[in-house]
């Protein structure tokens, strides 16, 4: 999900260690979810020019399975603003949407981009650089006309319902009417109005919070017609609230279990906060990146057993490695907010990969690391190979076989190009186990000790004999004054058998 850049707001908070927001302010929020990748692989538009009545077709190929997506929309922008819903075409393996040019549509260049939203709420807006030119000399450029706005009752009371009604006219029709509420330079975002066709008016029933700031307010309506023409209109009103809560929450302490972590490590957080008036509405823990460009936030929940606000965080891989300032945002149900800072910081490092042993005959380095990260294998200053860690956390990096004793450095590189401290591993001597054929002769190495066998060896119910050099013997062999016969596969003969026309009898084991 988006990382919101709020430099001026953060700088202001830095200047005021514990700032209180007045009632009615909308707290700035940041996402806790991973930024969506640009899933767009390719896109096409059926034509570069269109006129009224033409139907344009947009297709997009995404490098992600459709089952994880909530929606895909075409965004046509420039001289217009159009959102076109797209559906997945299985046979083409593409998302497809169509739009028919209307008599009111603006002529000019429409740029093509997409809105892609995952089911977990993460989203992206990949742009294509493509466009289409619309030819419509009779385009509608006339703004909607607001004939009247009424508020009933005119004196609005916090906690009690009231109604906004607007009469609006337009050549081709209204697409949407959105309400915002303004006071002292602060905007409180409101909902959309609905159209009542029986009365030909737009209406909104609304109720302010019981602790909303009283005084002079304005409702601002943003009206957009079907041709993307936009106009605004305002209406003043009075808000009464004799029982307002102006006391901010109280902060006592913030405890974070670790100050230095790697990705996927757990952090336990406890905050001692309270509000004796309207009660705490929410509390967030924030990690503010050292350059102040953005922050990540995580909700705290009250633990009734301890009375503290707590959370446990598994440090996400989308955290850049580096230093983060740690602080809280706490807001009560009246909208009073504080941003207590204690000077605590969190240092995040890229986790070192776990590397399996490497022998002199191996042509790959294997192990585990964070999914989606890059693994780099070096011998000295030479890069031997790289790969991307799979969703199962495993990786295999193909490398040339290295000499015994060579030291390899295996590093994890995160999504931002920052790397971990390397895991060092030394190429080991090949440890042989079981049957091994070398230069046409067969040898057997103990699977536990990796030592080469000589003399007699029993495997299951079969006996084998290996000479002093470890080579498996076939044919006649004399051991401890007794003769034995071993077949071509090395297995000792037992019982009564004929060999080269003569009959022999052999014990079932060496003696």
Protein backbone atom coordinates (compact mmCIF):
# COMPACT_ATOMS: atom_id res chain seq x y z
CA UNK A 1 0.00 0.00 0.00
CA UNK A 2 1.06 3.62 -0.38
CA UNK A 3 3.74 5.29 1.69
CA UNK A 4 2.46 8.81 2.22
CA UNK A 5 4.97 11.57 2.12
CA UNK A 6 4.15 14.22 4.67
CA UNK A 7 7.30 16.25 5.13
CA UNK A 8 5.78 19.45 6.46
CA UNK A 9 3.61 17.59 8.94
CA UNK A 10 6.51 15.50 10.24
CA UNK A 11 8.79 18.53 10.54
CA UNK A 12 6.13 20.27 12.61
CA UNK A 13 5.88 17.25 14.90
CA UNK A 14 9.65 17.27 15.33
CA UNK A 15 9.49 20.84 16.55
CA UNK A 16 6.73 20.11 19.08
CA UNK A 17 7.55 16.95 21.09
CA UNK A 18 3.97 16.42 22.24
CA UNK A 19 1.57 18.20 19.89
CA UNK A 20 -2.18 18.32 20.47
CA UNK A 21 -4.54 18.45 17.47
CA UNK A 22 -7.75 20.37 17.85
CA UNK A 23 -11.07 18.66 17.42
CA UNK A 24 -12.15 18.23 13.85
CA UNK A 25 -8.65 17.69 12.46
CA UNK A 26 -8.19 14.63 10.30
CA UNK A 27 -5.12 12.69 11.54
CA UNK A 28 -2.55 11.87 8.90
CA UNK A 29 -2.32 8.10 8.48
CA UNK A 30 0.22 5.82 6.88
CA UNK A 31 -0.11 2.33 5.54
CA UNK A 32 1.21 -0.77 7.27
CA UNK A 33 1.03 -2.92 4.16
CA UNK A 34 3.67 -3.73 1.64
CA UNK A 35 3.83 -1.40 -1.38
CA UNK A 36 2.28 -3.16 -4.36
CA UNK A 37 4.63 -4.12 -7.15
CA UNK A 38 4.06 -2.83 -10.66
CA UNK A 39 2.19 -5.87 -11.93
CA UNK A 40 1.65 -4.41 -15.39
CA UNK A 41 3.57 -6.41 -17.99
CA UNK A 42 2.06 -4.90 -21.15
CA UNK A 43 -0.96 -2.87 -22.27
CA UNK A 44 -2.69 -2.00 -25.52
CA UNK A 45 -5.46 0.30 -26.69
CA UNK A 46 -7.44 -0.59 -29.80
CA UNK A 47 -6.90 2.71 -31.59
CA UNK A 48 -5.00 5.97 -31.30
CA UNK A 49 -7.96 8.14 -32.35
CA UNK A 50 -11.70 7.92 -31.69
CA UNK A 51 -14.90 9.87 -32.31
CA UNK A 52 -18.33 9.97 -30.67
CA UNK A 53 -19.95 6.53 -30.86
CA UNK A 54 -16.66 4.64 -31.25
CA UNK A 55 -15.95 1.90 -28.73
CA UNK A 56 -12.35 1.64 -27.57
CA UNK A 57 -10.95 -1.59 -26.11
CA UNK A 58 -8.16 -1.62 -23.56
CA UNK A 59 -6.19 -4.77 -22.70
CA UNK A 60 -3.64 -5.34 -19.96
CA UNK A 61 -1.40 -8.32 -19.25
CA UNK A 62 -0.40 -8.61 -15.59
CA UNK A 63 2.40 -10.74 -14.18
CA UNK A 64 0.27 -11.91 -11.24
CA UNK A 65 -2.54 -14.47 -10.91
CA UNK A 66 -6.04 -12.94 -10.95
CA UNK A 67 -7.12 -14.72 -7.77
CA UNK A 68 -5.14 -12.31 -5.55
CA UNK A 69 -6.70 -9.19 -7.10
CA UNK A 70 -9.84 -7.39 -6.00
CA UNK A 71 -10.14 -5.13 -9.04
CA UNK A 72 -8.39 -3.81 -12.13
CA UNK A 73 -9.51 -0.52 -13.69
CA UNK A 74 -8.41 1.51 -16.68
CA UNK A 75 -7.71 5.13 -15.76
CA UNK A 76 -8.12 7.56 -18.67
CA UNK A 77 -6.88 11.00 -17.67
CA UNK A 78 -5.84 14.32 -19.13
CA UNK A 79 -8.74 16.20 -20.69
CA UNK A 80 -11.05 13.81 -18.87
CA UNK A 81 -11.18 11.47 -15.87
CA UNK A 82 -12.61 8.04 -16.63
CA UNK A 83 -12.42 4.79 -14.67
CA UNK A 84 -13.32 1.70 -16.68
CA UNK A 85 -13.82 -1.63 -14.90
CA UNK A 86 -11.87 -4.50 -16.47
CA UNK A 87 -12.60 -8.22 -16.45
CA UNK A 88 -10.20 -11.13 -16.78
CA UNK A 89 -10.28 -12.98 -20.12
CA UNK A 90 -9.02 -16.52 -19.49
CA UNK A 91 -8.39 -17.43 -23.13
CA UNK A 92 -6.22 -14.34 -23.70
CA UNK A 93 -4.77 -14.26 -20.18
CA UNK A 94 -5.47 -10.52 -20.20
CA UNK A 95 -7.68 -8.01 -18.43
CA UNK A 96 -10.10 -6.35 -20.88
CA UNK A 97 -12.25 -3.21 -20.65
CA UNK A 98 -14.28 -1.19 -23.14
CA UNK A 99 -15.59 2.38 -23.28
CA UNK A 100 -17.86 4.04 -25.85
CA UNK A 101 -17.14 7.71 -26.59
CA UNK A 102 -20.12 9.84 -25.52
CA UNK A 103 -21.43 13.09 -27.11
CA UNK A 104 -20.34 15.08 -24.03
CA UNK A 105 -16.81 13.68 -23.74
CA UNK A 106 -13.92 16.14 -23.91
CA UNK A 107 -11.80 16.06 -26.98
CA UNK A 108 -8.03 15.96 -26.74
CA UNK A 109 -5.46 13.49 -25.48
CA UNK A 110 -6.49 10.86 -22.90
CA UNK A 111 -3.57 9.15 -21.15
CA UNK A 112 -3.74 5.47 -20.28
CA UNK A 113 -2.86 4.07 -16.85
CA UNK A 114 -4.34 1.49 -14.50
CA UNK A 115 -5.53 1.10 -10.94
CA UNK A 116 -4.69 -2.36 -9.58
CA UNK A 117 -5.90 -3.41 -6.13
CA UNK A 118 -5.06 -6.62 -4.30
CA UNK A 119 -7.51 -8.36 -1.99
CA UNK A 120 -5.34 -7.40 0.97
CA UNK A 121 -5.86 -3.70 0.15
CA UNK A 122 -2.46 -2.96 -1.39
CA UNK A 123 -2.70 -1.05 -4.67
CA UNK A 124 -0.75 0.56 -7.47
CA UNK A 125 -1.24 2.98 -10.36
CA UNK A 126 1.14 1.88 -13.15
CA UNK A 127 1.34 4.26 -16.12
CA UNK A 128 1.86 3.17 -19.71
CA UNK A 129 2.95 6.25 -21.65
CA UNK A 130 0.19 5.41 -24.16
CA UNK A 131 -2.69 7.72 -25.06
CA UNK A 132 -5.69 8.11 -27.35
CA UNK A 133 -6.88 11.28 -29.07
CA UNK A 134 -10.62 12.01 -28.91
CA UNK A 135 -12.20 14.13 -31.66
CA UNK A 136 -15.44 15.77 -30.51
CA UNK A 137 -15.98 19.40 -31.57
CA UNK A 138 -19.34 19.39 -29.70
CA UNK A 139 -17.75 18.47 -26.36
CA UNK A 140 -19.41 19.60 -23.13
CA UNK A 141 -17.24 22.13 -21.29
CA UNK A 142 -20.09 23.76 -19.38
CA UNK A 143 -19.79 23.54 -15.59
CA UNK A 144 -22.66 22.19 -13.50
CA UNK A 145 -24.89 24.88 -12.01
CA UNK A 146 -25.68 24.79 -8.28
CA UNK A 147 -29.15 26.33 -7.92
CA UNK A 148 -29.44 25.99 -4.14
CA UNK A 149 -27.99 24.36 -1.01
CA UNK A 150 -30.07 24.02 2.14
CA UNK A 151 -29.19 22.72 5.60
CA UNK A 152 -31.97 21.57 7.89
CA UNK A 153 -31.87 22.58 10.66
CA UNK A 154 -29.58 25.56 10.06
CA UNK A 155 -28.29 25.37 13.64
CA UNK A 156 -26.65 21.97 13.71
CA UNK A 157 -26.09 20.21 17.05
CA UNK A 158 -23.25 17.74 17.58
CA UNK A 159 -24.58 14.20 17.93
CA UNK A 160 -27.94 15.04 16.29
CA UNK A 161 -28.83 14.32 12.63
CA UNK A 162 -29.29 17.04 10.01
CA UNK A 163 -29.77 17.01 6.23
CA UNK A 164 -28.02 18.72 3.34
CA UNK A 165 -30.02 19.19 0.14
CA UNK A 166 -28.71 20.55 -3.17
CA UNK A 167 -30.50 21.47 -6.41
CA UNK A 168 -28.09 21.10 -9.34
CA UNK A 169 -28.55 21.29 -13.10
CA UNK A 170 -26.31 20.23 -16.00
CA UNK A 171 -26.53 19.71 -19.76
CA UNK A 172 -25.88 15.96 -19.69
CA UNK A 173 -26.16 14.98 -16.04
CA UNK A 174 -24.26 14.78 -12.77
CA UNK A 175 -21.88 11.92 -12.03
CA UNK A 176 -21.24 12.61 -8.33
CA UNK A 177 -21.62 15.15 -5.53
CA UNK A 178 -19.13 14.96 -2.67
CA UNK A 179 -19.38 16.79 0.66
CA UNK A 180 -16.49 18.06 2.80
CA UNK A 181 -16.79 20.10 6.00
CA UNK A 182 -14.48 23.06 6.60
CA UNK A 183 -13.48 24.93 9.75
CA UNK A 184 -10.50 27.21 10.42
CA UNK A 185 -8.53 25.85 7.49
CA UNK A 186 -9.11 22.22 8.46
CA UNK A 187 -11.05 19.88 6.16
CA UNK A 188 -13.13 17.01 7.49
CA UNK A 189 -13.75 14.57 4.66
CA UNK A 190 -17.41 13.68 4.24
CA UNK A 191 -19.40 11.21 2.14
CA UNK A 192 -21.14 11.48 -1.24
CA UNK A 193 -24.65 12.75 -1.65
CA UNK A 194 -27.33 10.54 -3.20
CA UNK A 195 -29.76 11.56 -5.94
CA UNK A 196 -33.50 11.60 -5.23
CA UNK A 197 -35.13 11.39 -8.66
CA UNK A 198 -38.64 12.04 -7.29
CA UNK A 199 -37.55 15.48 -6.10
CA UNK A 200 -34.70 16.04 -8.57
CA UNK A 201 -32.30 16.85 -5.75
CA UNK A 202 -29.14 15.54 -4.11
CA UNK A 203 -29.33 14.78 -0.40
CA UNK A 204 -27.10 13.76 2.51
CA UNK A 205 -28.28 12.85 6.02
CA UNK A 206 -25.37 13.41 8.40
CA UNK A 207 -24.48 13.52 12.09
CA UNK A 208 -21.41 15.14 13.58
CA UNK A 209 -19.49 13.38 16.33
CA UNK A 210 -20.63 14.24 19.83
CA UNK A 211 -17.35 16.04 20.48
CA UNK A 212 -17.06 18.02 17.26
CA UNK A 213 -15.69 21.54 17.62
CA UNK A 214 -18.54 24.12 17.74
CA UNK A 215 -18.67 27.41 15.86
CA UNK A 216 -18.73 28.55 12.24
CA UNK A 217 -18.55 25.73 9.69
CA UNK A 218 -18.97 25.39 5.94
CA UNK A 219 -20.10 22.48 3.85
CA UNK A 220 -18.23 22.35 0.53
CA UNK A 221 -19.84 20.40 -2.30
CA UNK A 222 -17.66 19.14 -5.15
CA UNK A 223 -19.85 18.44 -8.18
CA UNK A 224 -18.59 16.40 -11.12
CA UNK A 225 -20.71 15.95 -14.24
CA UNK A 226 -20.53 13.01 -16.65
CA UNK A 227 -18.18 15.00 -18.89
CA UNK A 228 -15.67 15.39 -16.01
CA UNK A 229 -16.42 19.09 -15.54
CA UNK A 230 -16.02 20.00 -11.87
CA UNK A 231 -17.34 22.89 -9.81
CA UNK A 232 -17.58 23.60 -6.09
CA UNK A 233 -20.09 25.44 -3.92
CA UNK A 234 -20.19 26.18 -0.20
CA UNK A 235 -22.84 26.83 2.44
CA UNK A 236 -22.16 28.22 5.91
CA UNK A 237 -23.81 26.90 9.08
CA UNK A 238 -23.44 26.99 12.85
CA UNK A 239 -22.51 23.94 14.95
CA UNK A 240 -23.53 23.88 18.60
CA UNK A 241 -21.78 21.64 21.15
CA UNK A 242 -21.85 22.65 24.84
CA UNK A 243 -20.36 19.32 26.03
CA UNK A 244 -17.16 19.36 24.00
CA UNK A 245 -14.09 17.45 25.21
CA UNK A 246 -10.93 19.51 24.68
CA UNK A 247 -8.59 17.48 26.89
CA UNK A 248 -5.95 15.47 25.08
CA UNK A 249 -5.04 11.87 26.02
CA UNK A 250 -2.33 11.28 28.63
CA UNK A 251 0.97 9.59 27.75
CA UNK A 252 3.19 7.96 30.42
CA UNK A 253 5.57 5.53 28.74
CA UNK A 254 6.45 3.56 25.60
CA UNK A 255 8.40 0.29 25.77
CA UNK A 256 9.82 -1.40 22.64
CA UNK A 257 11.43 -4.80 23.25
CA UNK A 258 14.40 -4.30 20.89
CA UNK A 259 16.34 -1.42 19.44
CA UNK A 260 18.21 -3.47 16.79
CA UNK A 261 16.42 -6.03 14.58
CA UNK A 262 16.61 -7.81 11.27
CA UNK A 263 13.70 -8.47 8.93
CA UNK A 264 11.11 -10.96 10.26
CA UNK A 265 12.25 -10.54 13.86
CA UNK A 266 9.49 -9.84 16.38
CA UNK A 267 9.05 -6.62 18.32
CA UNK A 268 6.81 -6.38 21.36
CA UNK A 269 5.44 -2.95 22.16
CA UNK A 270 3.63 -1.61 25.25
CA UNK A 271 2.31 1.92 25.73
CA UNK A 272 0.92 3.37 28.95
CA UNK A 273 -1.71 5.84 27.72
CA UNK A 274 -5.14 6.90 28.95
CA UNK A 275 -8.01 9.33 28.42
CA UNK A 276 -10.46 10.06 31.23
CA UNK A 277 -13.01 11.99 29.17
CA UNK A 278 -14.23 10.60 25.85
CA UNK A 279 -11.82 7.61 25.87
CA UNK A 280 -9.09 6.61 23.43
CA UNK A 281 -10.32 6.05 19.87
CA UNK A 282 -7.09 4.56 18.55
CA UNK A 283 -3.35 4.39 19.18
CA UNK A 284 -0.67 3.81 16.56
CA UNK A 285 3.01 3.03 16.80
CA UNK A 286 4.97 4.82 14.10
CA UNK A 287 8.36 4.13 12.60
CA UNK A 288 9.60 7.27 10.85
CA UNK A 289 12.42 6.76 8.36
CA UNK A 290 15.56 8.73 9.14
CA UNK A 291 15.19 11.07 6.14
CA UNK A 292 11.64 12.00 7.34
CA UNK A 293 10.18 11.12 3.94
CA UNK A 294 7.67 8.56 5.18
CA UNK A 295 6.65 6.37 8.07
CA UNK A 296 5.00 3.00 8.76
CA UNK A 297 2.28 2.68 11.39
CA UNK A 298 0.84 -0.23 13.37
CA UNK A 299 -2.30 -0.20 15.49
CA UNK A 300 -2.07 -0.89 19.21
CA UNK A 301 -4.84 -2.75 21.05
CA UNK A 302 -5.67 -2.43 24.71
CA UNK A 303 -4.77 -5.44 26.84
CA UNK A 304 -7.48 -5.57 29.50
CA UNK A 305 -5.29 -7.74 31.73
CA UNK A 306 -2.40 -5.25 31.86
CA UNK A 307 -4.28 -2.04 31.10
CA UNK A 308 -1.61 -1.22 28.50
CA UNK A 309 -1.93 -0.70 24.75
CA UNK A 310 0.11 -3.40 23.04
CA UNK A 311 1.09 -5.05 19.79
CA UNK A 312 3.57 -7.60 18.48
CA UNK A 313 5.17 -6.81 15.13
CA UNK A 314 7.08 -9.13 12.83
CA UNK A 315 9.37 -6.62 11.12
CA UNK A 316 8.22 -6.57 7.46
CA UNK A 317 10.66 -7.06 4.62
CA UNK A 318 9.43 -3.83 3.02
CA UNK A 319 11.12 -1.88 5.80
CA UNK A 320 14.28 -0.34 4.40
CA UNK A 321 17.35 -1.22 6.39
CA UNK A 322 18.41 1.84 8.34
CA UNK A 323 17.40 3.93 11.31
CA UNK A 324 13.81 4.75 12.30
CA UNK A 325 12.49 7.19 14.88
CA UNK A 326 9.85 5.56 17.09
CA UNK A 327 6.84 7.48 18.38
CA UNK A 328 3.08 7.25 18.89
CA UNK A 329 -0.07 8.83 17.57
CA UNK A 330 -2.89 8.70 20.10
CA UNK A 331 -6.34 10.14 19.48
CA UNK A 332 -9.39 10.22 21.71
CA UNK A 333 -13.00 9.93 20.58
CA UNK A 334 -13.30 13.71 20.56
CA UNK A 335 -10.55 14.01 17.94
CA UNK A 336 -7.86 15.32 20.32
CA UNK A 337 -4.52 13.81 19.33
CA UNK A 338 -0.98 13.69 20.70
CA UNK A 339 2.27 12.51 19.11
CA UNK A 340 4.52 11.63 22.07
CA UNK A 341 8.20 11.12 21.31
CA UNK A 342 10.70 9.57 23.70
CA UNK A 343 13.78 9.73 21.50
CA UNK A 344 13.72 5.97 20.91
CA UNK A 345 15.05 4.60 17.62
CA UNK A 346 14.92 1.29 15.82
CA UNK A 347 17.83 0.06 13.70
CA UNK A 348 16.77 -2.39 10.98
CA UNK A 349 19.27 -4.63 9.22
CA UNK A 350 18.85 -7.02 6.32
CA UNK A 351 18.92 -10.56 7.76
CA UNK A 352 21.92 -12.73 6.85
CA UNK A 353 21.05 -15.76 4.72
CA UNK A 354 21.22 -19.28 6.13
CA UNK A 355 23.66 -21.19 3.89
CA UNK A 356 23.99 -24.96 3.52
CA UNK A 357 27.49 -26.48 3.41
CA UNK A 358 29.30 -26.35 0.07
CA UNK A 359 31.77 -29.01 -1.12
CA UNK A 360 34.38 -28.94 -3.87
CA UNK A 361 32.09 -30.81 -6.29
CA UNK A 362 28.99 -28.61 -5.75
CA UNK A 363 27.89 -26.32 -8.57
CA UNK A 364 25.32 -24.44 -6.50
CA UNK A 365 24.95 -22.67 -3.16
CA UNK A 366 21.68 -23.37 -1.37
CA UNK A 367 19.98 -22.00 1.72
CA UNK A 368 17.16 -19.85 3.09
CA UNK A 369 16.45 -16.11 3.22
CA UNK A 370 13.60 -13.61 2.93
CA UNK A 371 11.23 -14.21 -0.03
CA UNK A 372 11.71 -11.82 -2.94
CA UNK A 373 15.16 -10.68 -1.85
CA UNK A 374 18.29 -11.17 -3.97
CA UNK A 375 21.09 -13.56 -2.99
CA UNK A 376 24.62 -12.83 -4.19
CA UNK A 377 27.55 -15.28 -3.91
CA UNK A 378 31.11 -13.97 -4.13
CA UNK A 379 34.57 -15.47 -3.91
CA UNK A 380 36.80 -12.55 -2.96
CA UNK A 381 35.71 -9.67 -5.21
CA UNK A 382 34.34 -11.97 -7.92
CA UNK A 383 30.56 -12.43 -8.15
CA UNK A 384 29.92 -16.11 -8.83
CA UNK A 385 26.15 -15.91 -9.19
CA UNK A 386 22.87 -14.35 -8.03
CA UNK A 387 19.24 -15.42 -7.70
CA UNK A 388 15.92 -14.35 -6.17
CA UNK A 389 14.63 -16.11 -3.05
CA UNK A 390 11.41 -18.04 -3.68
CA UNK A 391 8.13 -17.78 -1.79
CA UNK A 392 9.17 -20.89 0.20
CA UNK A 393 12.18 -18.88 1.53
CA UNK A 394 14.63 -21.19 -0.29
CA UNK A 395 17.29 -20.24 -2.83
CA UNK A 396 19.68 -22.02 -5.20
CA UNK A 397 22.51 -19.99 -6.76
CA UNK A 398 24.36 -21.69 -9.64
CA UNK A 399 28.14 -21.27 -9.38
CA UNK A 400 31.25 -22.89 -10.90
CA UNK A 401 32.70 -25.65 -8.69
CA UNK A 402 35.23 -24.13 -6.27
CA UNK A 403 38.46 -25.50 -4.80
CA UNK A 404 38.52 -26.94 -1.32
CA UNK A 405 39.25 -24.17 1.22
CA UNK A 406 37.78 -21.31 -0.90
CA UNK A 407 35.87 -18.83 1.28
CA UNK A 408 32.50 -17.78 -0.14
CA UNK A 409 30.59 -14.65 0.92
CA UNK A 410 26.81 -15.01 0.60
CA UNK A 411 24.78 -11.78 1.02
CA UNK A 412 21.10 -10.89 1.05
CA UNK A 413 20.13 -7.74 -0.91
CA UNK A 414 16.76 -6.21 -0.02
CA UNK A 415 14.16 -4.49 -2.21
CA UNK A 416 15.99 -1.18 -1.87
CA UNK A 417 19.42 -2.50 -2.87
CA UNK A 418 20.79 -2.64 0.66
CA UNK A 419 22.70 -5.74 1.65
CA UNK A 420 23.20 -7.80 4.75
CA UNK A 421 26.42 -8.67 6.50
CA UNK A 422 27.58 -11.67 4.41
CA UNK A 423 27.39 -15.23 5.64
CA UNK A 424 30.87 -16.76 5.25
CA UNK A 425 31.24 -20.42 4.28
CA UNK A 426 34.36 -22.38 3.37
CA UNK A 427 34.25 -24.93 0.55
CA UNK A 428 34.73 -28.32 2.18
CA UNK A 429 36.51 -31.44 1.03
CA UNK A 430 34.12 -33.87 -0.63
CA UNK A 431 32.98 -36.44 1.91
CA UNK A 432 32.23 -39.68 0.15
CA UNK A 433 29.47 -41.97 1.38
CA UNK A 434 28.28 -45.42 0.33
CA UNK A 435 29.28 -46.97 -3.00
CA UNK A 436 31.68 -44.90 -5.13
CA UNK A 437 33.14 -45.87 -8.52
CA UNK A 438 36.55 -44.37 -9.32
CA UNK A 439 38.64 -45.28 -12.39
CA UNK A 440 36.57 -48.40 -13.01
CA UNK A 441 36.89 -49.75 -9.46
CA UNK A 442 34.24 -49.82 -6.73
CA UNK A 443 34.81 -48.57 -3.20
CA UNK A 444 32.59 -48.29 -0.14
CA UNK A 445 32.66 -45.38 2.35
CA UNK A 446 31.04 -45.54 5.77
CA UNK A 447 27.98 -43.20 5.66
CA UNK A 448 28.65 -41.98 9.22
CA UNK A 449 32.44 -41.65 9.37
CA UNK A 450 33.05 -41.27 5.60
CA UNK A 451 36.01 -43.64 5.93
CA UNK A 452 36.89 -46.06 3.14
CA UNK A 453 36.28 -49.73 3.98
CA UNK A 454 38.93 -52.49 3.64
CA UNK A 455 38.64 -56.20 4.36
CA UNK A 456 35.29 -57.85 4.90
CA UNK A 457 32.04 -55.83 4.97
CA UNK A 458 28.52 -57.07 5.58
CA UNK A 459 25.64 -55.11 4.03
CA UNK A 460 22.34 -56.69 4.96
CA UNK A 461 22.81 -60.43 4.44
CA UNK A 462 25.53 -60.00 1.82
CA UNK A 463 29.29 -60.05 2.34
CA UNK A 464 31.90 -58.12 0.31
CA UNK A 465 35.69 -58.03 0.40
CA UNK A 466 37.88 -54.96 -0.21
CA UNK A 467 41.67 -55.10 -0.65
CA UNK A 468 44.18 -52.89 1.18
CA UNK A 469 43.66 -50.05 -1.33
CA UNK A 470 39.89 -50.22 -0.74
CA UNK A 471 38.96 -51.69 -4.15
CA UNK A 472 36.16 -54.28 -4.17
CA UNK A 473 37.45 -57.80 -4.99
CA UNK A 474 35.76 -60.32 -7.32
CA UNK A 475 36.63 -63.95 -8.00
CA UNK A 476 38.82 -66.06 -5.66
CA UNK A 477 40.27 -64.46 -2.54
CA UNK A 478 42.22 -65.99 0.36
CA UNK A 479 41.56 -64.63 3.84
CA UNK A 480 42.86 -66.11 7.09
CA UNK A 481 43.96 -69.36 5.38
CA UNK A 482 40.52 -69.84 3.83
CA UNK A 483 39.41 -69.40 0.25
CA UNK A 484 36.25 -67.58 -0.78
CA UNK A 485 34.60 -66.79 -4.09
CA UNK A 486 32.98 -63.43 -4.88
CA UNK A 487 30.69 -62.93 -7.87
CA UNK A 488 31.11 -60.17 -10.44
CA UNK A 489 28.92 -57.83 -8.32
CA UNK A 490 31.23 -58.49 -5.34
CA UNK A 491 28.75 -60.60 -3.34
CA UNK A 492 30.38 -63.59 -1.56
CA UNK A 493 29.08 -66.99 -2.70
CA UNK A 494 27.54 -69.23 0.02
CA UNK A 495 26.34 -72.84 0.09
CA UNK A 496 27.10 -75.51 -2.57
CA UNK A 497 27.93 -74.16 -6.04
CA UNK A 498 29.82 -75.19 -9.15
CA UNK A 499 32.64 -72.98 -10.37
CA UNK A 500 34.33 -73.82 -13.68
CA UNK A 501 32.86 -77.37 -13.56
CA UNK A 502 33.98 -78.10 -10.00
CA UNK A 503 31.70 -78.36 -6.97
CA UNK A 504 32.45 -76.31 -3.84
CA UNK A 505 30.77 -75.63 -0.53
CA UNK A 506 31.10 -72.25 1.19
CA UNK A 507 30.10 -71.12 4.68
CA UNK A 508 27.45 -68.42 4.93
CA UNK A 509 29.98 -65.94 6.40
CA UNK A 510 33.76 -65.44 6.50
CA UNK A 511 35.55 -67.34 9.27
